[in-house]
Amino acid sequence: MSDASLSVTPPQASDTPSPEAMTPDALFDAGIARYQAGEDAATLIPVFKDLCDRAPKSGAAWTCLSWLYLLTGKGDLALKAAKKAVKLSPQDAQSRLNLAAAMLETKQKGVRDQVEIVENLIMIDEDMRAEIHKNLADGLERAPNSKAFQRLKTWLMEA
């Protein structure tokens, strides 16, 4: 047997499974990795829309979709997705934060109620507080003109 027969061919782009072939968990993880690598939010919306279609009871998927809509200035779509996320995961501070931001963007009433729930949730969980602060900073970096993110930062981080 020659050394050449032992060589391993490097993976090709075609070796990466298509989104349709991925499990919902794998698709979620891949979408998060792409987001964390700095991929534009608009290009990730179809990934998370597909994920929400395939796993409609995933509060995390709806939370991510609402966040992406917020980053791209699609307040009405963010509001719909955030409402689904909160319904599925009512104790998740990020889904509540997204709902508050979407409500601000679409000039809805009841924002303060959502902010108070977020405040209560992050008061009892230091990790959740750190995650919310990190996500708000990321949101402002990616969407620096977002008045909703700016107001939420003032209410939650500077109070």
Protein backbone atom coordinates (compact mmCIF):
# COMPACT_ATOMS: atom_id res chain seq x y z
CA MET A 1 0.00 0.00 0.00
CA SER A 2 1.46 3.36 -0.99
CA ASP A 3 1.47 6.52 1.09
CA ALA A 4 -0.76 8.13 -1.52
CA SER A 5 -3.57 5.72 -0.72
CA LEU A 6 -3.51 6.89 2.91
CA SER A 7 -3.90 10.56 2.12
CA VAL A 8 -7.11 12.22 3.11
CA THR A 9 -8.86 14.51 0.70
CA PRO A 10 -9.71 17.80 2.35
CA PRO A 11 -13.42 18.47 2.68
CA GLN A 12 -14.96 20.34 -0.23
CA ALA A 13 -17.72 22.90 0.02
CA SER A 14 -20.02 20.28 -1.47
CA ASP A 15 -19.25 18.06 1.55
CA THR A 16 -21.07 20.51 3.83
CA PRO A 17 -24.65 19.37 4.26
CA SER A 18 -27.29 21.58 2.71
CA PRO A 19 -29.59 23.33 5.17
CA GLU A 20 -32.39 20.96 4.13
CA ALA A 21 -30.25 17.98 5.13
CA MET A 22 -29.39 19.41 8.55
CA THR A 23 -31.34 18.67 11.72
CA PRO A 24 -33.03 21.70 13.29
CA ASP A 25 -30.43 21.69 16.09
CA ALA A 26 -27.55 21.58 13.59
CA LEU A 27 -29.16 24.33 11.52
CA PHE A 28 -29.61 26.48 14.64
CA ASP A 29 -25.99 25.95 15.69
CA ALA A 30 -24.74 26.72 12.16
CA GLY A 31 -26.84 29.89 12.03
CA ILE A 32 -25.55 31.07 15.40
CA ALA A 33 -21.96 30.36 14.33
CA ARG A 34 -22.45 32.37 11.15
CA TYR A 35 -23.93 35.25 13.14
CA GLN A 36 -21.07 35.18 15.65
CA ALA A 37 -18.59 35.16 12.76
CA GLY A 38 -20.05 38.50 11.70
CA GLU A 39 -22.32 37.48 8.84
CA ASP A 40 -24.87 40.10 7.86
CA ALA A 41 -28.22 39.71 9.61
CA ALA A 42 -30.18 40.00 6.36
CA THR A 43 -28.48 36.92 4.92
CA LEU A 44 -29.34 34.91 8.04
CA ILE A 45 -33.06 35.70 8.05
CA PRO A 46 -33.89 32.94 5.51
CA VAL A 47 -31.93 30.43 7.62
CA PHE A 48 -33.93 31.23 10.75
CA LYS A 49 -37.23 31.49 8.85
CA ASP A 50 -36.58 27.96 7.58
CA LEU A 51 -35.68 26.86 11.09
CA CYS A 52 -38.91 28.34 12.50
CA ASP A 53 -40.88 26.53 9.78
CA ARG A 54 -39.16 23.25 10.63
CA ALA A 55 -39.22 23.68 14.42
CA PRO A 56 -42.21 25.96 15.09
CA LYS A 57 -42.13 25.30 18.85
CA SER A 58 -38.52 26.45 19.24
CA GLY A 59 -38.60 29.63 21.29
CA ALA A 60 -34.88 30.10 20.67
CA ALA A 61 -35.37 30.04 16.89
CA TRP A 62 -38.18 32.63 17.07
CA THR A 63 -36.04 34.76 19.40
CA CYS A 64 -33.17 34.74 16.91
CA LEU A 65 -35.48 35.51 13.99
CA SER A 66 -36.99 38.46 15.84
CA TRP A 67 -33.48 39.74 16.66
CA LEU A 68 -32.45 39.53 13.00
CA TYR A 69 -35.57 41.41 11.96
CA LEU A 70 -34.78 44.10 14.54
CA LEU A 71 -31.24 44.45 13.21
CA THR A 72 -32.56 44.91 9.68
CA GLY A 73 -35.23 47.45 10.57
CA LYS A 74 -38.21 45.14 10.06
CA GLY A 75 -40.15 46.07 13.19
CA ASP A 76 -43.50 44.55 12.19
CA LEU A 77 -41.93 41.17 11.39
CA ALA A 78 -39.81 41.40 14.55
CA LEU A 79 -42.96 41.99 16.59
CA LYS A 80 -44.70 38.90 15.20
CA ALA A 81 -41.65 36.69 15.76
CA ALA A 82 -41.00 38.11 19.24
CA LYS A 83 -44.60 37.48 20.30
CA LYS A 84 -44.22 33.84 19.25
CA ALA A 85 -40.90 33.59 21.09
CA VAL A 86 -42.40 34.99 24.31
CA LYS A 87 -45.39 32.68 24.05
CA LEU A 88 -43.03 29.69 23.73
CA SER A 89 -40.43 30.90 26.27
CA PRO A 90 -42.06 33.37 28.63
CA GLN A 91 -39.15 33.32 31.11
CA ASP A 92 -36.49 34.06 28.48
CA ALA A 93 -35.11 37.57 28.97
CA GLN A 94 -33.85 37.87 25.39
CA SER A 95 -37.24 37.11 23.87
CA ARG A 96 -38.78 39.71 26.21
CA LEU A 97 -36.08 42.23 25.27
CA ASN A 98 -36.76 41.60 21.58
CA LEU A 99 -40.49 42.08 22.18
CA ALA A 100 -39.84 45.38 23.96
CA ALA A 101 -37.59 46.55 21.11
CA ALA A 102 -40.13 45.54 18.47
CA MET A 103 -42.88 47.29 20.43
CA LEU A 104 -40.78 50.46 20.50
CA GLU A 105 -40.05 50.16 16.78
CA THR A 106 -43.74 49.77 15.96
CA LYS A 107 -44.97 52.28 18.57
CA GLN A 108 -46.98 49.73 20.56
CA LYS A 109 -48.18 50.18 24.12
CA GLY A 110 -46.97 48.00 26.98
CA VAL A 111 -43.21 48.37 26.50
CA ARG A 112 -42.60 49.22 30.14
CA ASP A 113 -44.26 45.96 31.25
CA GLN A 114 -41.84 43.98 29.10
CA VAL A 115 -38.84 45.97 30.35
CA GLU A 116 -39.86 45.32 33.95
CA ILE A 117 -40.06 41.59 33.26
CA VAL A 118 -36.56 41.70 31.71
CA GLU A 119 -35.30 43.65 34.73
CA ASN A 120 -36.73 41.04 37.09
CA LEU A 121 -35.31 38.13 35.08
CA ILE A 122 -31.80 39.58 34.89
CA MET A 123 -31.87 40.62 38.54
CA ILE A 124 -32.02 36.98 39.64
CA ASP A 125 -29.58 35.58 37.06
CA GLU A 126 -26.16 37.19 36.67
CA ASP A 127 -25.36 35.11 33.56
CA MET A 128 -28.57 36.23 31.91
CA ARG A 129 -27.78 39.84 32.81
CA ALA A 130 -24.35 39.57 31.22
CA GLU A 131 -25.85 37.96 28.11
CA ILE A 132 -28.48 40.71 27.75
CA HIS A 133 -25.85 43.43 28.15
CA LYS A 134 -23.60 41.71 25.59
CA ASN A 135 -26.47 41.33 23.14
CA LEU A 136 -27.56 44.95 23.49
CA ALA A 137 -23.99 46.08 22.83
CA ASP A 138 -23.86 43.79 19.79
CA GLY A 139 -27.21 45.11 18.59
CA LEU A 140 -25.99 48.69 18.85
CA GLU A 141 -22.79 47.79 17.03
CA ARG A 142 -24.72 46.17 14.17
CA ALA A 143 -27.59 48.68 14.16
CA PRO A 144 -26.10 51.85 15.65
CA ASN A 145 -29.08 54.00 14.68
CA SER A 146 -31.63 51.82 16.45
CA LYS A 147 -33.51 54.10 18.82
CA ALA A 148 -35.13 51.02 20.38
CA PHE A 149 -31.78 49.47 21.29
CA GLN A 150 -30.51 52.83 22.56
CA ARG A 151 -33.54 53.28 24.83
CA LEU A 152 -33.35 49.72 26.13
CA LYS A 153 -29.66 50.14 26.85
CA THR A 154 -30.41 53.28 28.86
CA TRP A 155 -33.19 51.58 30.80
CA LEU A 156 -31.40 48.29 31.46
CA MET A 157 -27.70 49.07 31.56
CA GLU A 158 -27.42 52.61 32.81
CA ALA A 159 -30.12 52.61 35.47
